[in-house]
Amino acid sequence: MEIDLVSEGLKFMVLGMVVVLVFLVILVQVMKLQAKIINKLFPEKAPEAAPASSTNATQEAHHVAAIIAAVSEFRKQS
């Protein structure tokens, strides 16, 4: 009688694993189809290149100066 219970348990385990596998395969296929449909209806626009401005360079220089000052203050305290 125990052998029958073990075999029934194995059958249910395999059945459950097959059901989950089939569900996941279907889910992946539906997601791929959805991505194709969305890309067809709403194509991505190419990003426009922003002109390089001097304010970015100035801000970057200020950030670098602040970092250098913070590191030097930290080293003084140690």
N, C-alpha and C. Protein backbone atom coordinates (compact mmCIF):
# COMPACT_ATOMS: atom_id res chain seq x y z
N MET A 1 0.82 -1.20 0.00
CA MET A 1 0.00 0.00 0.00
C MET A 1 0.86 1.26 0.00
N GLU A 2 1.99 1.22 0.70
CA GLU A 2 2.86 2.39 0.71
C GLU A 2 3.46 2.65 -0.66
N ILE A 3 3.73 1.61 -1.40
CA ILE A 3 4.30 1.78 -2.74
C ILE A 3 3.32 2.54 -3.62
N ASP A 4 2.04 2.25 -3.49
CA ASP A 4 1.04 2.95 -4.28
C ASP A 4 0.99 4.43 -3.90
N LEU A 5 1.12 4.74 -2.64
CA LEU A 5 1.09 6.13 -2.21
C LEU A 5 2.31 6.88 -2.73
N VAL A 6 3.46 6.25 -2.71
CA VAL A 6 4.68 6.89 -3.21
C VAL A 6 4.57 7.12 -4.70
N SER A 7 4.09 6.13 -5.42
CA SER A 7 3.96 6.28 -6.88
C SER A 7 2.92 7.35 -7.22
N GLU A 8 1.84 7.40 -6.47
CA GLU A 8 0.83 8.45 -6.70
C GLU A 8 1.42 9.83 -6.40
N GLY A 9 2.20 9.94 -5.35
CA GLY A 9 2.85 11.20 -5.04
C GLY A 9 3.80 11.63 -6.13
N LEU A 10 4.57 10.68 -6.66
CA LEU A 10 5.49 11.00 -7.76
C LEU A 10 4.73 11.43 -9.01
N LYS A 11 3.62 10.77 -9.29
CA LYS A 11 2.80 11.14 -10.46
C LYS A 11 2.28 12.58 -10.32
N PHE A 12 1.78 12.91 -9.11
CA PHE A 12 1.28 14.26 -8.90
C PHE A 12 2.39 15.29 -8.97
N MET A 13 3.58 14.93 -8.48
CA MET A 13 4.71 15.85 -8.54
C MET A 13 5.09 16.13 -9.99
N VAL A 14 5.19 15.07 -10.79
CA VAL A 14 5.54 15.24 -12.20
C VAL A 14 4.46 16.03 -12.92
N LEU A 15 3.20 15.72 -12.64
CA LEU A 15 2.10 16.45 -13.26
C LEU A 15 2.16 17.93 -12.91
N GLY A 16 2.42 18.25 -11.65
CA GLY A 16 2.53 19.65 -11.24
C GLY A 16 3.69 20.35 -11.91
N MET A 17 4.82 19.66 -12.01
CA MET A 17 5.99 20.28 -12.65
C MET A 17 5.73 20.53 -14.14
N VAL A 18 5.03 19.60 -14.80
CA VAL A 18 4.71 19.78 -16.22
C VAL A 18 3.75 20.95 -16.40
N VAL A 19 2.77 21.06 -15.52
CA VAL A 19 1.80 22.17 -15.61
C VAL A 19 2.53 23.50 -15.44
N VAL A 20 3.44 23.59 -14.47
CA VAL A 20 4.18 24.83 -14.25
C VAL A 20 5.07 25.14 -15.44
N LEU A 21 5.73 24.13 -16.00
CA LEU A 21 6.59 24.34 -17.16
C LEU A 21 5.78 24.86 -18.35
N VAL A 22 4.65 24.24 -18.62
CA VAL A 22 3.80 24.68 -19.74
C VAL A 22 3.32 26.10 -19.50
N PHE A 23 2.91 26.42 -18.28
CA PHE A 23 2.47 27.78 -17.97
C PHE A 23 3.58 28.79 -18.20
N LEU A 24 4.80 28.47 -17.77
CA LEU A 24 5.91 29.41 -17.95
C LEU A 24 6.26 29.60 -19.42
N VAL A 25 6.22 28.52 -20.20
CA VAL A 25 6.50 28.64 -21.63
C VAL A 25 5.45 29.53 -22.30
N ILE A 26 4.19 29.31 -21.97
CA ILE A 26 3.12 30.15 -22.53
C ILE A 26 3.30 31.59 -22.09
N LEU A 27 3.65 31.82 -20.84
CA LEU A 27 3.86 33.17 -20.32
C LEU A 27 4.97 33.89 -21.08
N VAL A 28 6.08 33.19 -21.33
CA VAL A 28 7.20 33.80 -22.05
C VAL A 28 6.77 34.16 -23.47
N GLN A 29 6.04 33.28 -24.13
CA GLN A 29 5.61 33.55 -25.50
C GLN A 29 4.64 34.73 -25.55
N VAL A 30 3.74 34.82 -24.59
CA VAL A 30 2.79 35.94 -24.54
C VAL A 30 3.54 37.25 -24.29
N MET A 31 4.54 37.22 -23.43
CA MET A 31 5.31 38.44 -23.15
C MET A 31 6.09 38.89 -24.38
N LYS A 32 6.66 37.95 -25.14
CA LYS A 32 7.36 38.30 -26.37
C LYS A 32 6.40 38.91 -27.38
N LEU A 33 5.22 38.32 -27.51
CA LEU A 33 4.22 38.85 -28.43
C LEU A 33 3.78 40.24 -28.00
N GLN A 34 3.59 40.44 -26.72
CA GLN A 34 3.20 41.74 -26.20
C GLN A 34 4.28 42.78 -26.48
N ALA A 35 5.55 42.42 -26.33
CA ALA A 35 6.64 43.35 -26.59
C ALA A 35 6.66 43.75 -28.06
N LYS A 36 6.44 42.79 -28.95
CA LYS A 36 6.41 43.10 -30.38
C LYS A 36 5.27 44.05 -30.72
N ILE A 37 4.10 43.79 -30.13
CA ILE A 37 2.94 44.64 -30.41
C ILE A 37 3.18 46.05 -29.88
N ILE A 38 3.71 46.18 -28.67
CA ILE A 38 3.95 47.49 -28.08
C ILE A 38 5.00 48.25 -28.88
N ASN A 39 6.07 47.57 -29.31
CA ASN A 39 7.10 48.24 -30.10
C ASN A 39 6.58 48.66 -31.46
N LYS A 40 5.63 47.91 -32.01
CA LYS A 40 5.06 48.28 -33.30
C LYS A 40 4.13 49.49 -33.17
N LEU A 41 3.33 49.52 -32.09
CA LEU A 41 2.39 50.62 -31.91
C LEU A 41 3.05 51.89 -31.36
N PHE A 42 4.06 51.72 -30.51
CA PHE A 42 4.72 52.85 -29.88
C PHE A 42 6.24 52.74 -30.07
N PRO A 43 6.74 53.04 -31.27
CA PRO A 43 8.19 52.92 -31.49
C PRO A 43 8.96 53.95 -30.66
N GLU A 44 10.16 53.56 -30.26
CA GLU A 44 11.00 54.46 -29.47
C GLU A 44 11.60 55.53 -30.38
N LYS A 45 11.59 56.75 -29.90
CA LYS A 45 12.20 57.84 -30.65
C LYS A 45 13.67 57.91 -30.30
N ALA A 46 14.49 58.23 -31.30
CA ALA A 46 15.92 58.33 -31.05
C ALA A 46 16.18 59.56 -30.19
N PRO A 47 17.00 59.42 -29.15
CA PRO A 47 17.27 60.58 -28.30
C PRO A 47 18.08 61.62 -29.06
N GLU A 48 17.68 62.87 -28.86
CA GLU A 48 18.39 63.96 -29.52
C GLU A 48 19.64 64.30 -28.73
N ALA A 49 20.70 64.55 -29.47
CA ALA A 49 21.97 64.90 -28.82
C ALA A 49 21.88 66.34 -28.31
N ALA A 50 22.14 66.51 -27.04
CA ALA A 50 22.10 67.83 -26.44
C ALA A 50 23.41 68.55 -26.74
N PRO A 51 23.35 69.81 -27.11
CA PRO A 51 24.59 70.54 -27.38
C PRO A 51 25.40 70.72 -26.10
N ALA A 52 26.69 70.58 -26.23
CA ALA A 52 27.57 70.73 -25.07
C ALA A 52 27.59 72.19 -24.66
N SER A 53 27.31 72.43 -23.41
CA SER A 53 27.28 73.81 -22.94
C SER A 53 28.40 74.03 -21.93
N SER A 54 28.77 75.27 -21.79
CA SER A 54 29.85 75.59 -20.88
C SER A 54 29.39 75.48 -19.42
N THR A 55 28.08 75.56 -19.18
CA THR A 55 27.59 75.45 -17.80
C THR A 55 27.85 74.06 -17.24
N ASN A 56 27.77 73.03 -18.10
CA ASN A 56 28.06 71.67 -17.63
C ASN A 56 29.51 71.56 -17.19
N ALA A 57 30.41 72.14 -17.97
CA ALA A 57 31.83 72.09 -17.62
C ALA A 57 32.09 72.86 -16.33
N THR A 58 31.43 74.00 -16.18
CA THR A 58 31.60 74.81 -14.98
C THR A 58 31.08 74.07 -13.75
N GLN A 59 29.90 73.46 -13.88
CA GLN A 59 29.34 72.71 -12.77
C GLN A 59 30.22 71.52 -12.41
N GLU A 60 30.75 70.86 -13.41
CA GLU A 60 31.63 69.72 -13.14
C GLU A 60 32.89 70.18 -12.42
N ALA A 61 33.42 71.31 -12.81
CA ALA A 61 34.62 71.84 -12.15
C ALA A 61 34.31 72.17 -10.69
N HIS A 62 33.13 72.73 -10.43
CA HIS A 62 32.73 73.03 -9.05
C HIS A 62 32.58 71.75 -8.22
N HIS A 63 32.00 70.71 -8.83
CA HIS A 63 31.86 69.44 -8.13
C HIS A 63 33.22 68.85 -7.79
N VAL A 64 34.14 68.88 -8.75
CA VAL A 64 35.48 68.34 -8.51
C VAL A 64 36.17 69.12 -7.39
N ALA A 65 36.03 70.44 -7.41
CA ALA A 65 36.65 71.26 -6.38
C ALA A 65 36.06 70.93 -5.00
N ALA A 66 34.76 70.73 -4.93
CA ALA A 66 34.12 70.40 -3.66
C ALA A 66 34.58 69.04 -3.15
N ILE A 67 34.74 68.09 -4.05
CA ILE A 67 35.20 66.76 -3.65
C ILE A 67 36.62 66.83 -3.13
N ILE A 68 37.46 67.57 -3.83
CA ILE A 68 38.86 67.70 -3.40
C ILE A 68 38.93 68.36 -2.02
N ALA A 69 38.12 69.40 -1.81
CA ALA A 69 38.11 70.08 -0.51
C ALA A 69 37.62 69.14 0.59
N ALA A 70 36.60 68.35 0.32
CA ALA A 70 36.08 67.42 1.32
C ALA A 70 37.12 66.36 1.67
N VAL A 71 37.82 65.85 0.68
CA VAL A 71 38.84 64.83 0.93
C VAL A 71 39.99 65.41 1.74
N SER A 72 40.40 66.63 1.40
CA SER A 72 41.52 67.23 2.14
C SER A 72 41.12 67.52 3.59
N GLU A 73 39.87 67.94 3.84
CA GLU A 73 39.40 68.16 5.22
C GLU A 73 39.35 66.84 5.99
N PHE A 74 38.92 65.78 5.31
CA PHE A 74 38.86 64.49 5.97
C PHE A 74 40.26 64.01 6.35
N ARG A 75 41.22 64.24 5.47
CA ARG A 75 42.59 63.80 5.76
C ARG A 75 43.22 64.61 6.91
N LYS A 76 42.79 65.88 7.04
CA LYS A 76 43.31 66.70 8.14
C LYS A 76 42.82 66.16 9.49
N GLN A 77 41.58 65.67 9.51
CA GLN A 77 40.99 65.18 10.76
C GLN A 77 41.59 63.84 11.17
N SER A 78 42.04 63.06 10.25
CA SER A 78 42.55 61.71 10.58
C SER A 78 43.92 61.72 11.15
